[in-house]
N, C-alpha and C. Protein backbone atom coordinates (compact mmCIF):
# COMPACT_ATOMS: atom_id res chain seq x y z
N UNK A 1 2.74 19.39 63.45
CA UNK A 1 2.63 18.30 62.76
C UNK A 1 1.87 18.10 61.70
N UNK A 2 0.95 18.27 61.23
CA UNK A 2 0.10 17.93 60.19
C UNK A 2 0.88 18.62 59.48
N UNK A 3 1.48 19.89 59.51
CA UNK A 3 2.60 20.88 58.29
C UNK A 3 3.52 19.50 57.78
N UNK A 4 3.97 19.13 58.71
CA UNK A 4 5.27 18.46 58.07
C UNK A 4 5.05 17.32 57.40
N UNK A 5 3.46 16.74 57.69
CA UNK A 5 3.02 15.38 57.09
C UNK A 5 2.52 15.75 55.49
N UNK A 6 2.25 17.40 55.04
CA UNK A 6 1.90 17.66 54.11
C UNK A 6 3.61 17.88 53.26
N UNK A 7 4.28 18.02 53.58
CA UNK A 7 5.77 18.56 53.32
C UNK A 7 6.45 17.15 52.32
N UNK A 8 5.80 16.69 53.22
CA UNK A 8 6.84 15.36 53.32
C UNK A 8 5.85 14.61 51.73
N UNK A 9 4.94 14.55 52.34
CA UNK A 9 3.96 14.12 50.58
C UNK A 9 4.10 14.55 49.91
N UNK A 10 4.50 16.05 49.37
CA UNK A 10 4.52 17.01 48.52
C UNK A 10 6.38 16.34 48.16
N UNK A 11 7.14 16.09 49.04
CA UNK A 11 8.61 15.85 48.48
C UNK A 11 8.19 14.74 47.78
N UNK A 12 7.47 13.68 48.16
CA UNK A 12 7.13 12.26 47.73
C UNK A 12 6.84 12.27 46.38
N UNK A 13 6.01 12.67 45.94
CA UNK A 13 5.32 13.23 44.97
C UNK A 13 5.66 13.40 43.83
N UNK A 14 6.50 14.65 44.41
CA UNK A 14 7.67 15.84 43.26
C UNK A 14 8.73 14.37 42.85
N UNK A 15 9.42 13.57 43.97
CA UNK A 15 10.35 12.19 43.70
C UNK A 15 9.84 11.52 42.69
N UNK A 16 8.75 11.02 42.90
CA UNK A 16 7.40 9.99 42.04
C UNK A 16 7.56 10.75 40.61
N UNK A 17 7.08 11.89 40.83
CA UNK A 17 7.04 12.51 39.45
C UNK A 17 8.12 12.69 38.47
N UNK A 18 9.14 13.18 39.31
CA UNK A 18 10.71 12.99 38.41
C UNK A 18 11.31 11.88 38.03
N UNK A 19 10.93 10.82 39.06
CA UNK A 19 11.50 9.22 37.80
C UNK A 19 10.62 9.15 37.37
N UNK A 20 9.07 9.47 37.22
CA UNK A 20 7.89 9.06 36.17
C UNK A 20 8.70 9.69 35.04
N UNK A 21 9.19 11.04 34.79
CA UNK A 21 9.93 11.93 33.75
C UNK A 21 11.18 11.31 33.19
N UNK A 22 11.93 10.52 33.99
CA UNK A 22 13.05 10.02 33.63
C UNK A 22 12.77 9.08 33.12
N UNK A 23 11.89 7.84 33.46
CA UNK A 23 10.84 6.69 33.05
C UNK A 23 11.22 6.73 31.39
N UNK A 24 9.80 7.81 31.34
CA UNK A 24 9.39 7.86 29.61
C UNK A 24 10.67 8.69 28.98
N UNK A 25 12.19 9.58 29.91
CA UNK A 25 12.37 9.97 28.84
C UNK A 25 13.50 8.80 27.88
N UNK A 26 13.80 7.87 28.99
CA UNK A 26 14.34 6.73 28.79
C UNK A 26 14.13 5.60 27.48
N UNK A 27 12.60 5.60 28.02
CA UNK A 27 11.75 5.33 27.05
C UNK A 27 11.84 5.41 25.31
N UNK A 28 11.49 6.91 25.16
CA UNK A 28 11.92 7.48 24.31
C UNK A 28 12.99 7.99 23.63
N UNK A 29 14.05 7.26 24.53
CA UNK A 29 15.07 7.06 23.73
C UNK A 29 15.68 6.60 23.30
N UNK A 30 15.46 4.79 24.07
CA UNK A 30 15.32 3.93 22.95
C UNK A 30 14.62 3.92 22.08
N UNK A 31 13.53 4.30 22.08
CA UNK A 31 12.38 4.01 20.85
C UNK A 31 13.31 4.83 19.61
N UNK A 32 13.68 5.83 20.03
CA UNK A 32 14.44 6.71 18.55
C UNK A 32 15.75 6.38 18.24
N UNK A 33 16.48 5.63 18.91
CA UNK A 33 17.54 4.59 19.03
C UNK A 33 17.47 3.24 17.73
N UNK A 34 16.32 2.94 17.75
CA UNK A 34 15.88 1.77 17.80
C UNK A 34 15.15 2.64 15.90
N UNK A 35 14.75 3.64 16.01
CA UNK A 35 13.84 4.32 15.03
C UNK A 35 15.38 4.40 14.19
N UNK A 36 16.37 5.31 14.29
CA UNK A 36 17.45 5.55 13.72
C UNK A 36 18.44 4.31 12.62
N UNK A 37 18.46 3.22 13.90
CA UNK A 37 19.27 2.17 13.67
C UNK A 37 18.56 1.48 12.37
N UNK A 38 16.82 1.08 12.28
CA UNK A 38 16.11 0.74 11.48
C UNK A 38 16.50 1.25 10.28
N UNK A 39 16.54 3.03 10.61
CA UNK A 39 16.59 3.83 8.89
C UNK A 39 17.80 3.16 8.54
N UNK A 40 19.18 3.70 9.46
CA UNK A 40 20.17 3.20 8.94
C UNK A 40 20.20 1.50 8.42
N UNK A 41 19.45 0.69 9.28
CA UNK A 41 20.13 -0.57 8.08
C UNK A 41 19.42 -0.56 6.38
N UNK A 42 18.42 -0.21 7.15
CA UNK A 42 17.44 -0.20 5.98
C UNK A 42 17.88 0.69 4.50
N UNK A 43 18.13 1.41 5.00
CA UNK A 43 18.79 2.63 3.94
C UNK A 43 20.10 1.87 3.59
N UNK A 44 20.94 1.55 4.05
CA UNK A 44 21.88 0.68 3.72
C UNK A 44 22.38 -0.04 2.44
N UNK A 45 20.87 -0.77 2.51
CA UNK A 45 20.21 -1.42 1.16
C UNK A 45 20.12 -1.63 -0.09
N UNK A 46 20.95 -1.84 -0.63
CA UNK A 46 20.47 -1.51 -2.24
C UNK A 46 18.85 -1.45 -2.97
N UNK A 47 18.08 -1.53 -3.66
CA UNK A 47 17.31 -1.32 -4.42
C UNK A 47 16.98 -2.66 -4.78
N UNK A 48 18.00 -3.61 -4.89
CA UNK A 48 17.22 -4.68 -5.73
C UNK A 48 17.10 -6.16 -4.11
N UNK A 49 18.23 -5.48 -3.00
CA UNK A 49 17.78 -6.02 -1.91
C UNK A 49 16.29 -5.30 -0.72
N UNK A 50 16.11 -4.40 -1.33
CA UNK A 50 15.00 -4.07 -0.52
C UNK A 50 13.87 -4.74 -1.15
N UNK A 51 14.07 -4.46 -2.84
CA UNK A 51 12.98 -5.39 -3.66
C UNK A 51 12.80 -7.07 -3.11
N UNK A 52 13.72 -7.93 -2.92
CA UNK A 52 14.01 -9.19 -2.74
C UNK A 52 12.88 -8.87 -1.38
N UNK A 53 12.85 -8.39 -0.05
CA UNK A 53 12.02 -7.96 0.61
C UNK A 53 11.43 -7.72 0.63
N UNK A 54 10.20 -7.24 -0.73
CA UNK A 54 9.09 -6.78 -0.76
C UNK A 54 8.83 -4.86 0.11
N UNK A 55 10.52 -4.87 -0.37
CA UNK A 55 9.87 -3.42 0.83
C UNK A 55 10.50 -2.10 -0.92
N UNK A 56 10.06 -1.28 -0.55
CA UNK A 56 10.34 0.12 -1.48
C UNK A 56 11.25 1.05 -0.03
N UNK A 57 12.03 2.04 -1.32
CA UNK A 57 12.47 3.20 -0.20
C UNK A 57 11.26 3.83 0.68
N UNK A 58 10.24 4.16 -0.28
CA UNK A 58 9.20 4.65 0.78
C UNK A 58 8.71 4.29 1.56
N UNK A 59 8.64 3.29 1.74
CA UNK A 59 8.16 2.83 3.26
C UNK A 59 9.07 2.55 4.65
N UNK A 60 10.33 3.28 4.27
CA UNK A 60 11.65 2.46 5.24
C UNK A 60 11.33 3.65 6.07
N UNK A 61 10.73 4.43 6.33
CA UNK A 61 10.74 5.58 7.41
C UNK A 61 9.41 5.04 8.35
N UNK A 62 8.64 4.39 7.56
CA UNK A 62 7.17 4.60 8.15
C UNK A 62 7.44 2.77 9.08
N UNK A 63 8.43 1.61 8.41
CA UNK A 63 8.50 0.84 9.32
C UNK A 63 9.47 0.77 9.79
N UNK A 64 10.40 1.73 9.74
CA UNK A 64 11.04 2.50 11.82
C UNK A 64 10.30 2.73 12.51
N UNK A 65 9.38 3.86 12.21
CA UNK A 65 8.64 4.06 13.38
C UNK A 65 7.91 2.98 13.71
N UNK A 66 7.23 1.91 13.32
CA UNK A 66 6.14 0.53 14.11
C UNK A 66 7.42 0.13 13.96
N UNK A 67 8.94 -0.19 14.07
CA UNK A 67 9.64 -1.43 14.86
C UNK A 67 10.26 -0.33 16.73
N UNK A 68 10.58 1.31 16.22
CA UNK A 68 10.66 1.85 17.96
C UNK A 68 9.25 1.47 18.31
N UNK A 69 7.79 1.72 17.66
CA UNK A 69 6.64 1.34 18.98
C UNK A 69 6.65 0.37 19.46
N UNK A 70 7.01 -0.75 18.83
CA UNK A 70 7.33 -2.28 19.85
C UNK A 70 8.23 -2.35 20.70
N UNK A 71 9.30 -1.65 20.88
CA UNK A 71 10.19 -0.97 21.46
C UNK A 71 9.88 -1.87 23.36
């Protein structure tokens, strides 16, 4: 009987770990999408539009990383 309990505990732990991996993958995918969208939108602006926002092209990727981390 004890063997069966260990097997159920192992299966439950495996399922929990699998769910956690899927959740982490989902979060990372959402962050990546936010990153790519931010880069795409900022890169589509002209240098003048970026200057009006107080930005330079060199900071686009770091701003996108920050936006993705806030996701």
